[in-house]
N, C-alpha and C. Protein backbone atom coordinates (compact mmCIF):
# COMPACT_ATOMS: atom_id res chain seq x y z
N MET A 1 0.61 -1.19 0.01
CA MET A 1 0.05 0.10 -0.18
C MET A 1 1.00 1.16 0.06
N THR A 2 0.67 2.20 -0.58
CA THR A 2 1.07 3.47 -1.06
C THR A 2 0.32 4.46 -0.44
N LYS A 3 1.05 5.25 0.75
CA LYS A 3 0.73 6.58 1.46
C LYS A 3 0.87 7.63 0.69
N GLN A 4 0.09 8.59 0.52
CA GLN A 4 0.54 9.80 0.02
C GLN A 4 0.13 11.00 1.18
N ILE A 5 0.91 11.75 1.56
CA ILE A 5 0.44 12.60 2.51
C ILE A 5 0.14 14.03 2.00
N ILE A 6 -1.08 14.27 2.62
CA ILE A 6 -1.69 15.54 1.84
C ILE A 6 -1.33 17.10 2.81
N HIS A 7 -1.20 17.93 2.22
CA HIS A 7 -0.54 19.00 2.92
C HIS A 7 -0.94 20.20 2.05
N THR A 8 -1.66 21.24 2.76
CA THR A 8 -2.12 22.72 2.11
C THR A 8 -1.41 23.74 3.10
N ASP A 9 -1.37 24.77 3.02
CA ASP A 9 -1.12 26.03 3.44
C ASP A 9 -2.31 26.77 3.59
N HIS A 10 -3.38 26.09 3.09
CA HIS A 10 -4.63 27.01 2.99
C HIS A 10 -5.42 26.31 4.22
N ALA A 11 -4.79 25.62 5.07
CA ALA A 11 -5.26 25.01 6.36
C ALA A 11 -4.40 25.09 7.13
N PRO A 12 -4.44 25.07 8.70
CA PRO A 12 -3.77 25.35 9.73
C PRO A 12 -2.61 24.29 9.44
N ALA A 13 -1.22 24.38 9.61
CA ALA A 13 -0.11 23.38 9.81
C ALA A 13 -0.44 22.41 11.07
N ALA A 14 -0.33 21.26 11.07
CA ALA A 14 -0.11 20.47 11.95
C ALA A 14 0.29 20.89 13.28
N ILE A 15 -0.16 20.50 14.66
CA ILE A 15 0.27 21.21 15.87
C ILE A 15 0.90 20.17 16.61
N GLY A 16 1.09 19.20 16.10
CA GLY A 16 1.72 17.96 16.36
C GLY A 16 2.51 17.11 15.40
N PRO A 17 2.87 15.64 15.81
CA PRO A 17 3.50 14.86 14.73
C PRO A 17 2.43 14.08 14.32
N TYR A 18 1.58 14.66 13.18
CA TYR A 18 0.53 14.10 12.37
C TYR A 18 0.79 14.92 11.22
N SER A 19 -0.13 14.38 10.11
CA SER A 19 -0.21 15.14 8.94
C SER A 19 -1.68 15.54 8.75
N GLN A 20 -1.83 16.49 8.02
CA GLN A 20 -3.25 17.09 7.73
C GLN A 20 -4.42 15.98 7.42
N ALA A 21 -3.73 14.96 6.32
CA ALA A 21 -4.33 13.77 5.90
C ALA A 21 -3.45 12.84 5.14
N VAL A 22 -4.17 11.63 5.09
CA VAL A 22 -3.42 10.91 4.56
C VAL A 22 -4.45 10.11 3.44
N ARG A 23 -3.83 9.73 2.00
CA ARG A 23 -4.42 9.24 1.08
C ARG A 23 -3.96 7.72 0.94
N ALA A 24 -4.76 6.79 1.27
CA ALA A 24 -4.44 5.19 0.77
C ALA A 24 -5.30 5.05 -0.11
N GLY A 25 -4.91 4.46 -1.41
CA GLY A 25 -5.72 4.30 -2.46
C GLY A 25 -6.68 5.24 -2.85
N SER A 26 -8.09 5.16 -2.65
CA SER A 26 -8.67 6.34 -2.93
C SER A 26 -9.62 6.52 -1.75
N THR A 27 -8.93 6.50 -0.60
CA THR A 27 -9.62 6.85 0.53
C THR A 27 -8.65 7.96 1.33
N VAL A 28 -9.23 9.06 1.34
CA VAL A 28 -8.41 9.97 2.44
C VAL A 28 -8.83 9.98 3.65
N TYR A 29 -7.83 9.99 4.86
CA TYR A 29 -8.24 10.04 6.03
C TYR A 29 -7.87 11.33 6.60
N PHE A 30 -8.58 12.15 7.10
CA PHE A 30 -8.23 13.58 7.74
C PHE A 30 -8.29 13.60 9.24
N SER A 31 -6.74 14.39 9.74
CA SER A 31 -6.86 14.33 11.07
C SER A 31 -7.60 15.56 11.37
N GLY A 32 -8.09 15.54 12.77
CA GLY A 32 -8.86 16.24 13.43
C GLY A 32 -8.74 17.92 12.93
N GLN A 33 -9.45 18.98 12.43
CA GLN A 33 -9.34 20.20 12.39
C GLN A 33 -10.06 21.03 13.28
N ILE A 34 -9.39 21.69 14.28
CA ILE A 34 -10.01 22.85 15.15
C ILE A 34 -10.12 24.22 14.31
N PRO A 35 -10.75 24.89 14.99
CA PRO A 35 -10.84 26.37 14.54
C PRO A 35 -9.48 27.38 14.50
N LEU A 36 -8.55 26.93 13.92
CA LEU A 36 -7.47 27.75 13.65
C LEU A 36 -7.48 28.64 12.63
N ASP A 37 -6.80 29.83 12.46
CA ASP A 37 -6.72 30.31 11.37
C ASP A 37 -5.60 29.95 10.69
N PRO A 38 -5.69 29.57 9.63
CA PRO A 38 -4.27 28.90 8.64
C PRO A 38 -3.40 30.18 8.94
N ALA A 39 -3.48 31.54 8.84
CA ALA A 39 -2.61 32.60 8.41
C ALA A 39 -1.60 32.55 9.71
N THR A 40 -2.48 32.59 11.01
CA THR A 40 -1.83 33.00 12.26
C THR A 40 -1.62 31.86 12.96
N GLY A 41 -2.42 30.65 13.02
CA GLY A 41 -2.21 29.77 13.64
C GLY A 41 -2.93 29.84 15.20
N ASN A 42 -3.78 31.01 15.13
CA ASN A 42 -4.63 31.46 16.38
C ASN A 42 -5.85 30.60 16.29
N LEU A 43 -6.35 30.45 17.33
CA LEU A 43 -7.92 30.25 17.49
C LEU A 43 -9.24 31.36 17.36
N VAL A 44 -9.61 31.07 16.17
CA VAL A 44 -10.82 32.14 15.91
C VAL A 44 -11.83 32.55 17.03
N GLU A 45 -11.77 33.79 17.35
CA GLU A 45 -12.79 33.94 18.05
C GLU A 45 -14.40 34.07 17.78
N GLY A 46 -15.07 33.87 18.57
CA GLY A 46 -16.63 34.00 18.29
C GLY A 46 -17.24 32.64 18.94
N ASP A 47 -18.55 32.68 18.66
CA ASP A 47 -19.30 31.50 19.22
C ASP A 47 -19.03 30.06 18.63
N ILE A 48 -19.48 29.00 18.98
CA ILE A 48 -19.35 27.57 18.57
C ILE A 48 -19.81 27.76 17.07
N GLY A 49 -20.68 28.41 16.47
CA GLY A 49 -20.88 28.32 14.97
C GLY A 49 -19.65 29.06 14.43
N ALA A 50 -19.09 30.03 14.63
CA ALA A 50 -18.13 30.38 14.05
C ALA A 50 -16.77 29.84 14.27
N GLN A 51 -16.52 28.97 15.18
CA GLN A 51 -15.41 27.89 15.39
C GLN A 51 -15.92 26.79 14.57
N ALA A 52 -17.29 26.55 14.30
CA ALA A 52 -17.31 25.11 13.47
C ALA A 52 -17.20 25.63 12.14
N ARG A 53 -17.42 26.90 11.72
CA ARG A 53 -17.27 27.18 10.28
C ARG A 53 -15.87 27.57 9.84
N ARG A 54 -15.00 27.83 10.75
CA ARG A 54 -13.59 27.94 10.48
C ARG A 54 -13.11 26.48 10.34
N ALA A 55 -13.41 25.49 11.51
CA ALA A 55 -12.77 24.03 11.01
C ALA A 55 -13.54 23.52 9.88
N PHE A 56 -14.67 23.85 9.65
CA PHE A 56 -14.91 23.19 8.07
C PHE A 56 -14.60 23.67 6.93
N ASP A 57 -13.95 25.08 7.14
CA ASP A 57 -13.17 25.67 5.99
C ASP A 57 -11.87 25.17 6.05
N ASN A 58 -11.46 24.91 6.92
CA ASN A 58 -10.06 23.98 7.17
C ASN A 58 -10.07 22.69 6.33
N LEU A 59 -11.16 22.01 6.92
CA LEU A 59 -11.69 20.68 6.39
C LEU A 59 -11.69 20.85 4.63
N LYS A 60 -12.47 21.80 4.39
CA LYS A 60 -12.67 22.32 2.77
C LYS A 60 -11.13 22.08 2.12
N ALA A 61 -10.29 23.01 2.76
CA ALA A 61 -8.92 22.93 2.30
C ALA A 61 -8.25 22.03 1.83
N VAL A 62 -8.07 21.27 3.11
CA VAL A 62 -7.58 19.75 3.12
C VAL A 62 -8.07 18.99 1.91
N ALA A 63 -9.73 19.07 1.88
CA ALA A 63 -10.15 17.95 0.92
C ALA A 63 -9.81 18.42 -0.57
N GLU A 64 -9.63 19.87 -0.78
CA GLU A 64 -9.47 20.20 -2.16
C GLU A 64 -7.90 19.89 -2.62
N ALA A 65 -7.12 19.86 -1.51
CA ALA A 65 -5.78 19.79 -1.65
C ALA A 65 -5.35 18.49 -1.85
N ALA A 66 -6.26 17.26 -1.56
CA ALA A 66 -6.46 16.06 -1.60
C ALA A 66 -7.14 15.73 -3.28
N GLY A 67 -7.60 16.91 -3.95
CA GLY A 67 -8.04 16.34 -5.13
C GLY A 67 -9.63 16.29 -4.88
N GLY A 68 -10.32 16.53 -3.98
CA GLY A 68 -11.43 16.00 -3.58
C GLY A 68 -12.44 17.56 -3.31
N SER A 69 -13.37 17.06 -2.62
CA SER A 69 -14.54 18.12 -1.94
C SER A 69 -15.25 17.83 -1.13
N LEU A 70 -16.07 18.42 -0.46
CA LEU A 70 -16.71 18.02 0.77
C LEU A 70 -17.73 17.18 0.27
N ASP A 71 -18.47 17.19 -0.96
CA ASP A 71 -19.28 16.10 -1.31
C ASP A 71 -18.96 14.85 -1.42
N ARG A 72 -17.56 14.65 -1.40
CA ARG A 72 -16.95 13.28 -1.36
C ARG A 72 -16.57 12.65 -0.14
N ILE A 73 -16.79 13.63 1.11
CA ILE A 73 -16.45 13.03 2.38
C ILE A 73 -18.03 12.16 2.78
N VAL A 74 -17.64 10.90 3.29
CA VAL A 74 -18.50 9.86 3.68
C VAL A 74 -18.71 9.60 4.69
N ARG A 75 -17.73 10.25 5.90
CA ARG A 75 -17.73 9.97 7.30
C ARG A 75 -17.43 11.48 7.91
N LEU A 76 -18.20 11.71 8.84
CA LEU A 76 -17.72 12.74 9.55
C LEU A 76 -17.36 12.41 11.14
N GLY A 77 -16.45 13.06 12.05
CA GLY A 77 -16.48 12.90 13.26
C GLY A 77 -16.33 14.34 14.02
N LEU A 78 -17.48 14.58 14.80
CA LEU A 78 -17.62 15.95 15.17
C LEU A 78 -17.26 15.91 16.91
N TYR A 79 -16.57 16.77 17.19
CA TYR A 79 -16.21 16.77 18.89
C TYR A 79 -16.53 18.04 19.35
N LEU A 80 -17.39 18.03 20.27
CA LEU A 80 -17.89 19.38 20.98
C LEU A 80 -17.81 19.24 22.43
N THR A 81 -17.37 20.44 23.03
CA THR A 81 -16.62 20.26 24.64
C THR A 81 -17.90 20.61 25.25
N ASP A 82 -19.25 20.94 24.53
CA ASP A 82 -20.57 21.40 25.19
C ASP A 82 -21.50 20.85 24.31
N LEU A 83 -22.26 19.76 24.42
CA LEU A 83 -23.22 19.01 23.72
C LEU A 83 -24.47 20.17 23.64
N SER A 84 -24.52 20.79 24.64
CA SER A 84 -25.99 21.88 24.50
C SER A 84 -25.68 22.82 22.83
N GLN A 85 -24.55 23.07 22.80
CA GLN A 85 -24.45 23.46 21.28
C GLN A 85 -24.42 22.83 19.83
N PHE A 86 -25.04 21.63 20.22
CA PHE A 86 -25.26 20.73 19.15
C PHE A 86 -26.01 21.44 18.07
N ALA A 87 -27.16 22.04 18.35
CA ALA A 87 -28.06 22.63 17.19
C ALA A 87 -27.18 23.70 16.38
N ALA A 88 -26.37 24.57 17.22
CA ALA A 88 -25.42 25.41 16.31
C ALA A 88 -24.72 24.87 15.58
N VAL A 89 -23.94 23.98 15.98
CA VAL A 89 -23.24 23.03 15.11
C VAL A 89 -23.87 22.31 13.76
N ASN A 90 -25.04 21.83 14.04
CA ASN A 90 -25.47 21.30 13.02
C ASN A 90 -26.06 22.44 12.18
N ALA A 91 -26.31 23.82 12.65
CA ALA A 91 -26.53 24.88 11.60
C ALA A 91 -25.56 25.07 10.78
N ALA A 92 -24.23 25.30 11.58
CA ALA A 92 -23.18 25.46 10.33
C ALA A 92 -22.84 24.45 9.72
N MET A 93 -23.10 22.90 9.84
CA MET A 93 -22.51 21.86 9.16
C MET A 93 -23.59 22.07 7.78
N GLN A 94 -24.61 22.27 7.87
CA GLN A 94 -25.74 22.48 6.80
C GLN A 94 -25.18 23.47 6.06
N GLU A 95 -24.48 24.57 6.04
CA GLU A 95 -23.94 25.40 5.39
C GLU A 95 -22.65 24.71 4.31
N TYR A 96 -22.29 23.63 4.75
CA TYR A 96 -21.18 23.14 3.77
C TYR A 96 -21.27 21.62 3.34
N PHE A 97 -22.51 21.06 3.99
CA PHE A 97 -22.88 19.56 3.32
C PHE A 97 -24.29 19.72 3.13
N ALA A 98 -24.77 19.12 2.14
CA ALA A 98 -26.03 18.85 1.71
C ALA A 98 -26.79 17.55 1.47
N ALA A 99 -27.96 17.32 1.66
CA ALA A 99 -28.33 15.93 1.64
C ALA A 99 -27.75 15.27 0.31
N PRO A 100 -27.33 14.08 -0.15
CA PRO A 100 -27.56 12.99 1.28
C PRO A 100 -26.33 13.06 2.14
N TYR A 101 -26.30 13.12 3.35
CA TYR A 101 -25.25 13.77 4.44
C TYR A 101 -24.40 12.50 4.46
N PRO A 102 -22.87 12.92 4.92
CA PRO A 102 -22.34 11.90 5.34
C PRO A 102 -22.64 11.05 6.62
N ALA A 103 -22.13 9.96 6.92
CA ALA A 103 -22.20 9.41 8.04
C ALA A 103 -21.64 10.25 9.15
N ARG A 104 -22.00 10.06 10.53
CA ARG A 104 -21.50 10.97 11.50
C ARG A 104 -21.99 10.78 12.76
N SER A 105 -20.84 10.82 13.67
CA SER A 105 -20.97 10.64 15.14
C SER A 105 -20.45 12.02 15.66
N THR A 106 -21.32 12.14 16.75
CA THR A 106 -20.94 13.74 17.34
C THR A 106 -20.76 13.21 19.05
N ILE A 107 -19.54 13.49 19.27
CA ILE A 107 -18.99 12.97 20.81
C ILE A 107 -18.84 14.28 21.63
N GLU A 108 -19.28 14.49 22.86
CA GLU A 108 -18.59 15.56 23.55
C GLU A 108 -17.72 14.93 24.58
N VAL A 109 -16.79 16.05 24.42
CA VAL A 109 -15.33 15.86 24.99
C VAL A 109 -14.96 16.68 26.16
N SER A 110 -13.93 16.28 26.94
CA SER A 110 -13.82 17.13 28.17
C SER A 110 -12.76 18.68 27.80
N GLY A 111 -11.85 18.30 26.65
CA GLY A 111 -11.57 19.31 26.28
C GLY A 111 -10.66 19.01 24.71
N LEU A 112 -10.38 20.33 24.16
CA LEU A 112 -9.89 19.87 22.92
C LEU A 112 -8.53 20.90 22.69
N PRO A 113 -7.30 20.79 21.91
CA PRO A 113 -6.22 21.40 22.00
C PRO A 113 -6.59 22.91 21.63
N LYS A 114 -5.62 23.74 22.50
CA LYS A 114 -5.66 25.40 22.38
C LYS A 114 -6.95 25.87 22.83
N GLY A 115 -7.60 25.05 23.43
CA GLY A 115 -8.81 25.59 24.07
C GLY A 115 -10.11 25.82 23.23
N ALA A 116 -10.22 24.80 22.13
CA ALA A 116 -10.91 24.95 21.07
C ALA A 116 -12.43 24.36 21.80
N ALA A 117 -13.52 24.77 20.94
CA ALA A 117 -14.73 24.09 21.38
C ALA A 117 -15.38 23.20 20.70
N PHE A 118 -14.77 22.99 19.35
CA PHE A 118 -15.04 22.27 18.29
C PHE A 118 -13.77 21.55 17.37
N GLU A 119 -14.07 20.34 17.05
CA GLU A 119 -13.15 19.73 16.19
C GLU A 119 -14.11 18.83 15.22
N VAL A 120 -13.29 18.72 13.98
CA VAL A 120 -14.03 17.90 13.13
C VAL A 120 -12.87 16.70 12.47
N ASP A 121 -12.96 15.55 12.00
CA ASP A 121 -12.18 14.78 11.16
C ASP A 121 -13.29 14.28 10.36
N ALA A 122 -12.39 13.52 9.36
CA ALA A 122 -13.40 12.86 8.35
C ALA A 122 -12.67 11.89 7.55
N VAL A 123 -13.46 10.97 6.65
CA VAL A 123 -13.25 10.09 6.01
C VAL A 123 -13.48 10.60 4.37
N MET A 124 -12.98 10.82 3.17
CA MET A 124 -13.29 10.92 2.01
C MET A 124 -12.91 9.85 0.77
N VAL A 125 -13.61 9.53 0.01
CA VAL A 125 -13.33 8.35 -1.30
C VAL A 125 -13.49 9.15 -2.34
N LEU A 126 -12.43 9.09 -2.92
CA LEU A 126 -12.24 10.06 -4.17
C LEU A 126 -12.99 9.44 -5.60
N GLU A 127 -12.81 8.05 -5.73
CA GLU A 127 -13.33 7.68 -6.94
C GLU A 127 -14.53 6.56 -6.78
């Protein structure tokens, strides 16, 4: 199996020992994206909706760098530090994804890197 490392400057650089995404065959596995501004590396300010939109923008940039788009994503993992914000995250997600939606899990976590309130990871199939 050949692995292709995916990287773009249009999404934040990895903040640890991992790649933004890895392609194996026609499948692309995305590392988690938190709401960091790719230009500054700083967490975006604003509510959970603003954080989710920035993270989805980052995900989109990595998807495009891999030769795909958000409509090729087959699975999402959403991580929230406060599950009471679920409706706001759903509203933000609908700005980026249309039916038929990818499979998805949503998990409440006690904390995320850099104090983020939201993180998303994904799996995309290109062919």
